[in-house]
């Protein structure tokens, strides 16, 4: 992989990892509601699940998802239903810890699973495989470069969003701010679900 390809990889990783989506929205909400230590289970799960997804796409499963439209629709439908369920749970959380402690349980296992229901994650993984890995004589070496880069970006972006949420905790604890914050995060999840439907 030459430096131009690597630079393009970094640009794509930055744009896709730090733009709002289900992972970053949940990281922010979990950080705000349960604090950074509670959010870390999800923050760590995202890169783990995403790396597994990238490996499956590199192994050819991604091509199967593209080739079988009904399979893609099943993934999208499950992802949309899950995001809408998370949004519904989050929208009713009005006190610190309520979302993470009872209303909304999103930990390591759910964080890993969410990657397989997130069409944005599938599209990014397929783009990376098609653009940087598939059909190259050094495909394994390229995967060994792409996977750690994306793992670092996935962790860093979700950590930054969770940290931002955690830093807002004291401010959000006053009055009904947390309820409105959670409703705003729920609205982002609903918009993400709507975007997934149109992709």
N, C-alpha and C. Protein backbone atom coordinates (compact mmCIF):
# COMPACT_ATOMS: atom_id res chain seq x y z
N UNK A 1 0.85 -1.18 0.00
CA UNK A 1 0.00 0.00 0.00
C UNK A 1 0.89 1.24 0.00
N UNK A 2 0.72 2.09 -1.01
CA UNK A 2 1.55 3.29 -1.07
C UNK A 2 0.98 4.39 -0.17
N UNK A 3 1.71 5.50 -0.07
CA UNK A 3 1.30 6.55 0.86
C UNK A 3 0.02 7.24 0.42
N UNK A 4 -0.23 7.31 -0.91
CA UNK A 4 -1.48 7.93 -1.37
C UNK A 4 -2.70 7.10 -0.93
N UNK A 5 -2.59 5.78 -1.06
CA UNK A 5 -3.67 4.90 -0.63
C UNK A 5 -3.88 5.00 0.88
N UNK A 6 -2.77 5.04 1.62
CA UNK A 6 -2.86 5.13 3.08
C UNK A 6 -3.49 6.45 3.51
N UNK A 7 -3.11 7.54 2.84
CA UNK A 7 -3.70 8.85 3.15
C UNK A 7 -5.20 8.84 2.87
N UNK A 8 -5.58 8.26 1.74
CA UNK A 8 -7.01 8.16 1.41
C UNK A 8 -7.75 7.33 2.46
N UNK A 9 -7.10 6.27 2.94
CA UNK A 9 -7.69 5.45 4.00
C UNK A 9 -7.93 6.28 5.26
N UNK A 10 -6.94 7.09 5.65
CA UNK A 10 -7.07 7.92 6.85
C UNK A 10 -8.18 8.96 6.69
N UNK A 11 -8.30 9.54 5.50
CA UNK A 11 -9.36 10.53 5.26
C UNK A 11 -10.73 9.87 5.38
N UNK A 12 -10.90 8.71 4.75
CA UNK A 12 -12.17 7.99 4.83
C UNK A 12 -12.47 7.58 6.27
N UNK A 13 -11.46 7.07 6.96
CA UNK A 13 -11.64 6.64 8.35
C UNK A 13 -12.08 7.80 9.23
N UNK A 14 -11.48 8.96 9.03
CA UNK A 14 -11.85 10.14 9.83
C UNK A 14 -13.28 10.56 9.55
N UNK A 15 -13.62 10.66 8.27
CA UNK A 15 -14.97 11.10 7.90
C UNK A 15 -16.04 10.14 8.40
N UNK A 16 -15.82 8.85 8.23
CA UNK A 16 -16.84 7.88 8.60
C UNK A 16 -16.89 7.63 10.11
N UNK A 17 -15.75 7.65 10.77
CA UNK A 17 -15.72 7.33 12.20
C UNK A 17 -16.24 8.46 13.07
N UNK A 18 -15.96 9.70 12.69
CA UNK A 18 -16.34 10.82 13.54
C UNK A 18 -17.67 11.46 13.15
N UNK A 19 -18.25 11.05 12.03
CA UNK A 19 -19.58 11.58 11.69
C UNK A 19 -20.62 10.87 12.57
N UNK A 20 -21.70 11.59 12.91
CA UNK A 20 -22.72 10.99 13.78
C UNK A 20 -23.34 9.74 13.15
N UNK A 21 -23.59 8.79 13.98
CA UNK A 21 -24.23 7.54 13.56
C UNK A 21 -24.72 6.82 14.81
N UNK A 22 -25.21 5.61 14.67
CA UNK A 22 -25.72 4.90 15.84
C UNK A 22 -24.69 4.70 16.94
N UNK A 23 -23.46 4.37 16.55
CA UNK A 23 -22.42 4.12 17.56
C UNK A 23 -22.08 5.38 18.35
N UNK A 24 -21.79 6.47 17.65
CA UNK A 24 -21.39 7.69 18.33
C UNK A 24 -22.55 8.28 19.13
N UNK A 25 -23.77 8.16 18.62
CA UNK A 25 -24.93 8.66 19.35
C UNK A 25 -25.12 7.89 20.65
N UNK A 26 -25.01 6.57 20.58
CA UNK A 26 -25.15 5.77 21.80
C UNK A 26 -23.99 6.01 22.77
N UNK A 27 -22.79 6.19 22.24
CA UNK A 27 -21.65 6.48 23.11
C UNK A 27 -21.88 7.77 23.89
N UNK A 28 -22.39 8.79 23.19
CA UNK A 28 -22.68 10.07 23.84
C UNK A 28 -23.76 9.90 24.90
N UNK A 29 -24.84 9.23 24.54
CA UNK A 29 -25.95 9.04 25.47
C UNK A 29 -25.53 8.21 26.68
N UNK A 30 -24.76 7.16 26.46
CA UNK A 30 -24.32 6.32 27.58
C UNK A 30 -23.35 7.08 28.48
N UNK A 31 -22.46 7.89 27.88
CA UNK A 31 -21.55 8.70 28.68
C UNK A 31 -22.30 9.73 29.51
N UNK A 32 -23.32 10.35 28.95
CA UNK A 32 -24.09 11.36 29.66
C UNK A 32 -24.94 10.75 30.77
N UNK A 33 -25.52 9.59 30.52
CA UNK A 33 -26.43 8.99 31.49
C UNK A 33 -25.73 8.16 32.56
N UNK A 34 -24.71 7.43 32.18
CA UNK A 34 -24.07 6.52 33.14
C UNK A 34 -22.64 6.88 33.50
N UNK A 35 -22.07 7.89 32.84
CA UNK A 35 -20.68 8.25 33.09
C UNK A 35 -19.74 7.48 32.17
N UNK A 36 -18.52 7.96 32.08
CA UNK A 36 -17.54 7.35 31.17
C UNK A 36 -17.23 5.90 31.49
N UNK A 37 -17.03 5.53 32.78
CA UNK A 37 -16.74 4.11 33.05
C UNK A 37 -17.83 3.16 32.57
N UNK A 38 -19.11 3.56 32.72
CA UNK A 38 -20.21 2.70 32.27
C UNK A 38 -20.26 2.63 30.75
N UNK A 39 -19.92 3.73 30.09
CA UNK A 39 -19.97 3.77 28.63
C UNK A 39 -18.85 2.97 27.99
N UNK A 40 -17.77 2.72 28.73
CA UNK A 40 -16.59 2.08 28.14
C UNK A 40 -16.86 0.67 27.63
N UNK A 41 -17.81 -0.04 28.21
CA UNK A 41 -18.14 -1.38 27.70
C UNK A 41 -18.58 -1.29 26.25
N UNK A 42 -19.44 -0.31 25.97
CA UNK A 42 -19.92 -0.11 24.60
C UNK A 42 -18.81 0.44 23.71
N UNK A 43 -18.05 1.39 24.23
CA UNK A 43 -16.96 2.02 23.46
C UNK A 43 -15.95 0.97 23.00
N UNK A 44 -15.64 0.01 23.85
CA UNK A 44 -14.69 -1.06 23.50
C UNK A 44 -15.35 -2.07 22.55
N UNK A 45 -16.65 -2.29 22.71
CA UNK A 45 -17.35 -3.26 21.88
C UNK A 45 -17.40 -2.84 20.42
N UNK A 46 -17.52 -1.54 20.16
CA UNK A 46 -17.66 -1.06 18.78
C UNK A 46 -16.48 -1.49 17.90
N UNK A 47 -15.23 -1.20 18.29
CA UNK A 47 -14.13 -1.63 17.42
C UNK A 47 -13.98 -3.15 17.33
N UNK A 48 -14.33 -3.86 18.40
CA UNK A 48 -14.26 -5.32 18.36
C UNK A 48 -15.26 -5.86 17.34
N UNK A 49 -16.51 -5.42 17.45
CA UNK A 49 -17.53 -5.88 16.51
C UNK A 49 -17.25 -5.44 15.09
N UNK A 50 -16.76 -4.20 14.96
CA UNK A 50 -16.49 -3.68 13.63
C UNK A 50 -15.34 -4.43 12.95
N UNK A 51 -14.33 -4.78 13.71
CA UNK A 51 -13.21 -5.54 13.15
C UNK A 51 -13.66 -6.93 12.71
N UNK A 52 -14.54 -7.55 13.50
CA UNK A 52 -15.12 -8.85 13.09
C UNK A 52 -15.91 -8.70 11.79
N UNK A 53 -16.68 -7.62 11.69
CA UNK A 53 -17.45 -7.36 10.48
C UNK A 53 -16.54 -7.16 9.28
N UNK A 54 -15.48 -6.39 9.45
CA UNK A 54 -14.52 -6.17 8.36
C UNK A 54 -13.87 -7.48 7.93
N UNK A 55 -13.52 -8.32 8.90
CA UNK A 55 -12.91 -9.62 8.58
C UNK A 55 -13.88 -10.49 7.77
N UNK A 56 -15.16 -10.49 8.16
CA UNK A 56 -16.16 -11.27 7.41
C UNK A 56 -16.32 -10.74 5.99
N UNK A 57 -16.33 -9.41 5.85
CA UNK A 57 -16.44 -8.83 4.51
C UNK A 57 -15.21 -9.17 3.67
N UNK A 58 -14.04 -9.13 4.27
CA UNK A 58 -12.81 -9.47 3.54
C UNK A 58 -12.80 -10.94 3.15
N UNK A 59 -13.46 -11.78 3.96
CA UNK A 59 -13.52 -13.21 3.66
C UNK A 59 -14.58 -13.54 2.61
N UNK A 60 -15.38 -12.56 2.19
CA UNK A 60 -16.35 -12.79 1.13
C UNK A 60 -17.80 -12.71 1.55
N UNK A 61 -18.08 -12.63 2.86
CA UNK A 61 -19.47 -12.56 3.32
C UNK A 61 -20.12 -11.26 2.83
N UNK A 62 -19.34 -10.19 2.78
CA UNK A 62 -19.86 -8.91 2.31
C UNK A 62 -20.39 -9.01 0.89
N UNK A 63 -19.68 -9.76 0.05
CA UNK A 63 -20.13 -9.94 -1.34
C UNK A 63 -21.46 -10.67 -1.37
N UNK A 64 -21.67 -11.59 -0.44
CA UNK A 64 -22.94 -12.32 -0.35
C UNK A 64 -24.08 -11.36 0.01
N UNK A 65 -23.80 -10.44 0.95
CA UNK A 65 -24.81 -9.45 1.35
C UNK A 65 -25.19 -8.57 0.17
N UNK A 66 -24.21 -8.19 -0.64
CA UNK A 66 -24.47 -7.37 -1.81
C UNK A 66 -25.23 -8.17 -2.87
N UNK A 67 -24.86 -9.44 -3.04
CA UNK A 67 -25.44 -10.26 -4.10
C UNK A 67 -26.87 -10.72 -3.81
N UNK A 68 -27.24 -10.80 -2.52
CA UNK A 68 -28.57 -11.28 -2.15
C UNK A 68 -29.36 -10.12 -1.53
N UNK A 69 -30.16 -9.43 -2.34
CA UNK A 69 -30.89 -8.25 -1.83
C UNK A 69 -31.76 -8.54 -0.61
N UNK A 70 -32.35 -9.73 -0.54
CA UNK A 70 -33.21 -10.03 0.60
C UNK A 70 -32.39 -10.09 1.90
N UNK A 71 -31.15 -10.56 1.81
CA UNK A 71 -30.29 -10.61 2.99
C UNK A 71 -29.96 -9.19 3.46
N UNK A 72 -29.68 -8.31 2.49
CA UNK A 72 -29.40 -6.91 2.85
C UNK A 72 -30.63 -6.28 3.51
N UNK A 73 -31.82 -6.57 2.98
CA UNK A 73 -33.03 -6.01 3.58
C UNK A 73 -33.28 -6.55 4.98
N UNK A 74 -32.95 -7.81 5.22
CA UNK A 74 -33.10 -8.38 6.57
C UNK A 74 -32.19 -7.65 7.55
N UNK A 75 -30.94 -7.44 7.15
CA UNK A 75 -30.00 -6.72 8.01
C UNK A 75 -30.51 -5.31 8.28
N UNK A 76 -30.95 -4.63 7.23
CA UNK A 76 -31.47 -3.27 7.39
C UNK A 76 -32.69 -3.25 8.30
N UNK A 77 -33.62 -4.18 8.07
CA UNK A 77 -34.85 -4.20 8.86
C UNK A 77 -34.55 -4.44 10.34
N UNK A 78 -33.68 -5.42 10.63
CA UNK A 78 -33.32 -5.68 12.02
C UNK A 78 -32.62 -4.47 12.64
N UNK A 79 -31.73 -3.85 11.88
CA UNK A 79 -31.03 -2.67 12.38
C UNK A 79 -31.98 -1.52 12.66
N UNK A 80 -32.92 -1.29 11.75
CA UNK A 80 -33.89 -0.20 11.92
C UNK A 80 -34.77 -0.46 13.14
N UNK A 81 -35.27 -1.68 13.29
CA UNK A 81 -36.10 -2.01 14.45
C UNK A 81 -35.32 -1.83 15.74
N UNK A 82 -34.06 -2.28 15.77
CA UNK A 82 -33.24 -2.16 16.97
C UNK A 82 -32.99 -0.69 17.31
N UNK A 83 -32.67 0.13 16.32
CA UNK A 83 -32.43 1.55 16.55
C UNK A 83 -33.69 2.25 17.06
N UNK A 84 -34.83 1.91 16.48
CA UNK A 84 -36.09 2.51 16.94
C UNK A 84 -36.42 2.09 18.37
N UNK A 85 -36.14 0.85 18.71
CA UNK A 85 -36.35 0.37 20.09
C UNK A 85 -35.43 1.13 21.05
N UNK A 86 -34.14 1.29 20.67
CA UNK A 86 -33.21 2.04 21.51
C UNK A 86 -33.68 3.49 21.67
N UNK A 87 -34.14 4.10 20.59
CA UNK A 87 -34.62 5.48 20.64
C UNK A 87 -35.82 5.60 21.58
N UNK A 88 -36.74 4.65 21.50
CA UNK A 88 -37.92 4.67 22.36
C UNK A 88 -37.52 4.58 23.83
N UNK A 89 -36.60 3.65 24.15
CA UNK A 89 -36.13 3.49 25.53
C UNK A 89 -35.42 4.75 26.01
N UNK A 90 -34.58 5.31 25.17
CA UNK A 90 -33.79 6.49 25.54
C UNK A 90 -34.68 7.71 25.73
N UNK A 91 -35.70 7.87 24.92
CA UNK A 91 -36.53 9.08 24.95
C UNK A 91 -37.28 9.26 26.27
N UNK A 92 -37.45 8.19 27.03
CA UNK A 92 -38.17 8.30 28.30
C UNK A 92 -37.28 8.41 29.52
N UNK A 93 -35.97 8.49 29.32
CA UNK A 93 -35.02 8.53 30.44
C UNK A 93 -34.82 9.97 30.89
N UNK A 94 -35.22 10.25 32.15
CA UNK A 94 -35.18 11.62 32.64
C UNK A 94 -34.21 11.84 33.79
N UNK A 95 -33.59 10.76 34.32
CA UNK A 95 -32.65 10.94 35.43
C UNK A 95 -31.35 10.22 35.12
N UNK A 96 -30.26 10.75 35.69
CA UNK A 96 -28.93 10.17 35.43
C UNK A 96 -28.90 8.71 35.84
N UNK A 97 -28.34 7.89 34.98
CA UNK A 97 -28.22 6.47 35.24
C UNK A 97 -29.44 5.66 34.84
N UNK A 98 -30.58 6.34 34.63
CA UNK A 98 -31.81 5.61 34.28
C UNK A 98 -31.67 4.92 32.93
N UNK A 99 -31.12 5.62 31.95
CA UNK A 99 -31.01 5.04 30.61
C UNK A 99 -30.08 3.83 30.62
N UNK A 100 -28.91 3.99 31.22
CA UNK A 100 -27.94 2.89 31.22
C UNK A 100 -28.29 1.83 32.26
N UNK A 101 -28.94 2.25 33.34
CA UNK A 101 -29.20 1.32 34.42
C UNK A 101 -30.46 0.50 34.26
N UNK A 102 -31.47 1.01 33.62
CA UNK A 102 -32.72 0.27 33.54
C UNK A 102 -33.43 0.41 32.22
N UNK A 103 -33.61 1.65 31.79
CA UNK A 103 -34.37 1.88 30.57
C UNK A 103 -33.64 1.33 29.34
N UNK A 104 -32.35 1.54 29.29
CA UNK A 104 -31.58 1.21 28.09
C UNK A 104 -30.33 0.43 28.50
N UNK A 105 -30.33 -0.85 28.23
CA UNK A 105 -29.16 -1.67 28.57
C UNK A 105 -28.37 -1.94 27.30
N UNK A 106 -27.26 -1.25 27.16
CA UNK A 106 -26.39 -1.44 25.99
C UNK A 106 -24.98 -1.63 26.53
N UNK A 107 -24.52 -2.85 26.51
CA UNK A 107 -23.19 -3.15 27.01
C UNK A 107 -22.31 -3.70 25.90
N UNK A 108 -21.35 -4.53 26.28
CA UNK A 108 -20.37 -5.05 25.33
C UNK A 108 -21.03 -5.92 24.26
N UNK A 109 -21.84 -6.87 24.70
CA UNK A 109 -22.47 -7.80 23.75
C UNK A 109 -23.36 -7.07 22.75
N UNK A 110 -24.16 -6.13 23.25
CA UNK A 110 -25.05 -5.37 22.37
C UNK A 110 -24.25 -4.47 21.43
N UNK A 111 -23.12 -3.94 21.93
CA UNK A 111 -22.27 -3.10 21.09
C UNK A 111 -21.66 -3.88 19.92
N UNK A 112 -21.23 -5.10 20.19
CA UNK A 112 -20.70 -5.95 19.12
C UNK A 112 -21.81 -6.30 18.14
N UNK A 113 -22.97 -6.69 18.66
CA UNK A 113 -24.09 -7.08 17.81
C UNK A 113 -24.57 -5.93 16.93
N UNK A 114 -24.56 -4.72 17.48
CA UNK A 114 -25.05 -3.57 16.73
C UNK A 114 -24.27 -3.37 15.44
N UNK A 115 -22.99 -3.73 15.41
CA UNK A 115 -22.19 -3.54 14.20
C UNK A 115 -22.74 -4.36 13.04
N UNK A 116 -23.29 -5.52 13.34
CA UNK A 116 -23.83 -6.40 12.30
C UNK A 116 -25.23 -5.99 11.86
N UNK A 117 -25.84 -5.06 12.60
CA UNK A 117 -27.17 -4.55 12.24
C UNK A 117 -27.09 -3.12 11.71
N UNK A 118 -25.89 -2.60 11.63
CA UNK A 118 -25.67 -1.20 11.24
C UNK A 118 -25.26 -1.16 9.76
N UNK A 119 -26.17 -0.71 8.92
CA UNK A 119 -25.87 -0.70 7.48
C UNK A 119 -24.73 0.25 7.15
N UNK A 120 -24.55 1.32 7.96
CA UNK A 120 -23.42 2.22 7.76
C UNK A 120 -22.12 1.46 7.95
N UNK A 121 -22.06 0.59 8.96
CA UNK A 121 -20.86 -0.22 9.20
C UNK A 121 -20.61 -1.18 8.04
N UNK A 122 -21.69 -1.82 7.54
CA UNK A 122 -21.55 -2.72 6.39
C UNK A 122 -21.03 -1.98 5.17
N UNK A 123 -21.60 -0.80 4.89
CA UNK A 123 -21.18 -0.04 3.72
C UNK A 123 -19.71 0.37 3.82
N UNK A 124 -19.30 0.80 5.01
CA UNK A 124 -17.89 1.18 5.19
C UNK A 124 -16.98 -0.03 5.02
N UNK A 125 -17.35 -1.16 5.63
CA UNK A 125 -16.54 -2.37 5.51
C UNK A 125 -16.42 -2.82 4.06
N UNK A 126 -17.54 -2.79 3.33
CA UNK A 126 -17.52 -3.18 1.92
C UNK A 126 -16.68 -2.22 1.09
N UNK A 127 -16.77 -0.92 1.40
CA UNK A 127 -15.96 0.08 0.69
C UNK A 127 -14.48 -0.17 0.92
N UNK A 128 -14.11 -0.45 2.16
CA UNK A 128 -12.69 -0.70 2.48
C UNK A 128 -12.19 -1.97 1.79
N UNK A 129 -12.99 -3.01 1.82
CA UNK A 129 -12.57 -4.26 1.18
C UNK A 129 -12.42 -4.05 -0.32
N UNK A 130 -13.41 -3.39 -0.94
CA UNK A 130 -13.37 -3.18 -2.39
C UNK A 130 -12.24 -2.24 -2.80
N UNK A 131 -11.99 -1.22 -2.00
CA UNK A 131 -11.00 -0.21 -2.39
C UNK A 131 -9.57 -0.48 -1.97
N UNK A 132 -9.39 -1.24 -0.89
CA UNK A 132 -8.03 -1.39 -0.37
C UNK A 132 -7.56 -2.85 -0.26
N UNK A 133 -8.47 -3.83 -0.28
CA UNK A 133 -8.06 -5.20 0.03
C UNK A 133 -8.31 -6.18 -1.11
N UNK A 134 -9.56 -6.27 -1.57
CA UNK A 134 -9.95 -7.31 -2.53
C UNK A 134 -9.19 -7.19 -3.84
N UNK A 135 -8.79 -8.35 -4.36
CA UNK A 135 -8.13 -8.40 -5.66
C UNK A 135 -6.67 -7.97 -5.66
N UNK A 136 -6.14 -7.65 -4.51
CA UNK A 136 -4.73 -7.23 -4.42
C UNK A 136 -3.85 -8.44 -4.13
N UNK A 137 -2.66 -8.49 -4.72
CA UNK A 137 -1.79 -9.65 -4.46
C UNK A 137 -1.33 -9.73 -3.01
N UNK A 138 -1.33 -8.58 -2.32
CA UNK A 138 -0.92 -8.54 -0.92
C UNK A 138 -2.13 -8.27 -0.01
N UNK A 139 -3.25 -8.93 -0.30
CA UNK A 139 -4.51 -8.67 0.39
C UNK A 139 -4.40 -8.88 1.90
N UNK A 140 -3.72 -9.93 2.33
CA UNK A 140 -3.59 -10.18 3.78
C UNK A 140 -2.79 -9.09 4.46
N UNK A 141 -1.73 -8.64 3.81
CA UNK A 141 -0.93 -7.55 4.39
C UNK A 141 -1.74 -6.26 4.45
N UNK A 142 -2.53 -6.03 3.43
CA UNK A 142 -3.38 -4.84 3.40
C UNK A 142 -4.44 -4.91 4.51
N UNK A 143 -5.03 -6.09 4.70
CA UNK A 143 -5.99 -6.25 5.79
C UNK A 143 -5.31 -5.98 7.13
N UNK A 144 -4.06 -6.42 7.26
CA UNK A 144 -3.31 -6.21 8.51
C UNK A 144 -3.00 -4.74 8.75
N UNK A 145 -3.10 -3.91 7.72
CA UNK A 145 -2.93 -2.46 7.88
C UNK A 145 -4.29 -1.80 8.11
N UNK A 146 -5.27 -2.15 7.29
CA UNK A 146 -6.58 -1.51 7.36
C UNK A 146 -7.28 -1.79 8.69
N UNK A 147 -7.28 -3.04 9.13
CA UNK A 147 -8.02 -3.42 10.34
C UNK A 147 -7.56 -2.65 11.58
N UNK A 148 -6.25 -2.59 11.89
CA UNK A 148 -5.84 -1.83 13.07
C UNK A 148 -6.13 -0.33 12.96
N UNK A 149 -5.98 0.22 11.75
CA UNK A 149 -6.30 1.65 11.57
C UNK A 149 -7.77 1.89 11.90
N UNK A 150 -8.65 1.08 11.38
CA UNK A 150 -10.07 1.26 11.62
C UNK A 150 -10.43 0.96 13.07
N UNK A 151 -9.75 0.01 13.69
CA UNK A 151 -9.99 -0.30 15.09
C UNK A 151 -9.66 0.92 15.95
N UNK A 152 -8.53 1.56 15.69
CA UNK A 152 -8.13 2.75 16.44
C UNK A 152 -9.12 3.89 16.22
N UNK A 153 -9.54 4.09 14.98
CA UNK A 153 -10.50 5.16 14.70
C UNK A 153 -11.85 4.88 15.36
N UNK A 154 -12.32 3.64 15.30
CA UNK A 154 -13.60 3.29 15.91
C UNK A 154 -13.56 3.51 17.42
N UNK A 155 -12.46 3.10 18.05
CA UNK A 155 -12.34 3.31 19.49
C UNK A 155 -12.25 4.80 19.82
N UNK A 156 -11.38 5.51 19.11
CA UNK A 156 -11.16 6.92 19.41
C UNK A 156 -12.42 7.75 19.23
N UNK A 157 -13.12 7.56 18.13
CA UNK A 157 -14.32 8.37 17.89
C UNK A 157 -15.37 8.11 18.96
N UNK A 158 -15.60 6.85 19.31
CA UNK A 158 -16.62 6.55 20.31
C UNK A 158 -16.18 6.99 21.70
N UNK A 159 -14.90 6.92 21.99
CA UNK A 159 -14.39 7.42 23.27
C UNK A 159 -14.60 8.93 23.37
N UNK A 160 -14.29 9.66 22.31
CA UNK A 160 -14.46 11.12 22.31
C UNK A 160 -15.93 11.48 22.52
N UNK A 161 -16.82 10.81 21.83
CA UNK A 161 -18.26 11.09 21.99
C UNK A 161 -18.73 10.73 23.40
N UNK A 162 -18.27 9.59 23.94
CA UNK A 162 -18.66 9.20 25.30
C UNK A 162 -18.10 10.20 26.32
N UNK A 163 -16.88 10.65 26.10
CA UNK A 163 -16.27 11.64 26.99
C UNK A 163 -17.07 12.95 26.96
N UNK A 164 -17.46 13.37 25.77
CA UNK A 164 -18.27 14.60 25.64
C UNK A 164 -19.58 14.44 26.43
N UNK A 165 -20.21 13.28 26.29
CA UNK A 165 -21.45 13.04 27.05
C UNK A 165 -21.19 13.06 28.55
N UNK A 166 -20.10 12.42 28.98
CA UNK A 166 -19.78 12.38 30.41
C UNK A 166 -19.48 13.77 30.97
N UNK A 167 -18.83 14.62 30.17
CA UNK A 167 -18.52 15.98 30.61
C UNK A 167 -19.78 16.84 30.77
N UNK A 168 -20.85 16.45 30.10
CA UNK A 168 -22.11 17.19 30.19
C UNK A 168 -22.98 16.73 31.37
N UNK A 169 -22.58 15.69 32.08
CA UNK A 169 -23.44 15.09 33.12
C UNK A 169 -23.94 16.09 34.16
N UNK A 170 -23.05 16.88 34.73
CA UNK A 170 -23.47 17.81 35.78
C UNK A 170 -24.45 18.85 35.24
N UNK A 171 -24.20 19.34 34.05
CA UNK A 171 -25.09 20.33 33.45
C UNK A 171 -26.44 19.69 33.13
N UNK A 172 -26.41 18.46 32.63
CA UNK A 172 -27.65 17.78 32.26
C UNK A 172 -28.48 17.38 33.47
N UNK A 173 -27.86 17.28 34.65
CA UNK A 173 -28.58 16.84 35.85
C UNK A 173 -29.56 17.90 36.35
N UNK A 174 -29.47 19.11 35.86
CA UNK A 174 -30.33 20.20 36.32
C UNK A 174 -31.65 20.23 35.54
N UNK A 175 -32.74 20.30 36.27
CA UNK A 175 -34.05 20.42 35.65
C UNK A 175 -34.37 19.27 34.71
N UNK A 176 -34.93 19.61 33.56
CA UNK A 176 -35.34 18.60 32.58
C UNK A 176 -34.37 18.51 31.41
N UNK A 177 -33.15 19.02 31.62
CA UNK A 177 -32.17 19.03 30.53
C UNK A 177 -31.85 17.63 30.04
N UNK A 178 -31.68 16.69 30.98
CA UNK A 178 -31.32 15.32 30.58
C UNK A 178 -32.43 14.69 29.73
N UNK A 179 -33.68 14.91 30.12
CA UNK A 179 -34.78 14.36 29.34
C UNK A 179 -34.74 14.88 27.90
N UNK A 180 -34.53 16.18 27.74
CA UNK A 180 -34.49 16.76 26.40
C UNK A 180 -33.24 16.32 25.64
N UNK A 181 -32.13 16.17 26.36
CA UNK A 181 -30.91 15.66 25.73
C UNK A 181 -31.15 14.24 25.21
N UNK A 182 -31.74 13.39 26.06
CA UNK A 182 -32.02 12.01 25.67
C UNK A 182 -33.00 11.95 24.50
N UNK A 183 -33.97 12.86 24.51
CA UNK A 183 -34.91 12.90 23.38
C UNK A 183 -34.21 13.34 22.10
N UNK A 184 -33.25 14.26 22.23
CA UNK A 184 -32.48 14.67 21.04
C UNK A 184 -31.64 13.51 20.52
N UNK A 185 -31.00 12.75 21.43
CA UNK A 185 -30.21 11.58 21.02
C UNK A 185 -31.12 10.52 20.39
N UNK A 186 -32.33 10.36 20.96
CA UNK A 186 -33.30 9.42 20.39
C UNK A 186 -33.71 9.86 18.99
N UNK A 187 -33.86 11.17 18.80
CA UNK A 187 -34.22 11.69 17.47
C UNK A 187 -33.12 11.40 16.46
N UNK A 188 -31.85 11.49 16.88
CA UNK A 188 -30.74 11.17 15.99
C UNK A 188 -30.80 9.70 15.60
N UNK A 189 -31.13 8.83 16.56
CA UNK A 189 -31.26 7.40 16.24
C UNK A 189 -32.40 7.16 15.25
N UNK A 190 -33.51 7.87 15.43
CA UNK A 190 -34.64 7.74 14.50
C UNK A 190 -34.23 8.22 13.11
N UNK A 191 -33.53 9.35 13.03
CA UNK A 191 -33.06 9.85 11.75
C UNK A 191 -32.08 8.87 11.09
N UNK A 192 -31.24 8.25 11.91
CA UNK A 192 -30.32 7.24 11.40
C UNK A 192 -31.09 6.04 10.83
N UNK A 193 -32.12 5.63 11.55
CA UNK A 193 -32.95 4.53 11.06
C UNK A 193 -33.62 4.91 9.74
N UNK A 194 -34.10 6.14 9.63
CA UNK A 194 -34.73 6.61 8.39
C UNK A 194 -33.70 6.62 7.25
N UNK A 195 -32.47 7.09 7.55
CA UNK A 195 -31.40 7.09 6.55
C UNK A 195 -31.11 5.66 6.10
N UNK A 196 -31.05 4.72 7.06
CA UNK A 196 -30.79 3.32 6.71
C UNK A 196 -31.86 2.78 5.77
N UNK A 197 -33.11 3.21 5.98
CA UNK A 197 -34.20 2.76 5.13
C UNK A 197 -34.03 3.23 3.69
N UNK A 198 -33.43 4.41 3.53
CA UNK A 198 -33.29 4.99 2.18
C UNK A 198 -32.04 4.53 1.45
N UNK A 199 -31.11 3.89 2.15
CA UNK A 199 -29.86 3.45 1.52
C UNK A 199 -30.07 2.19 0.72
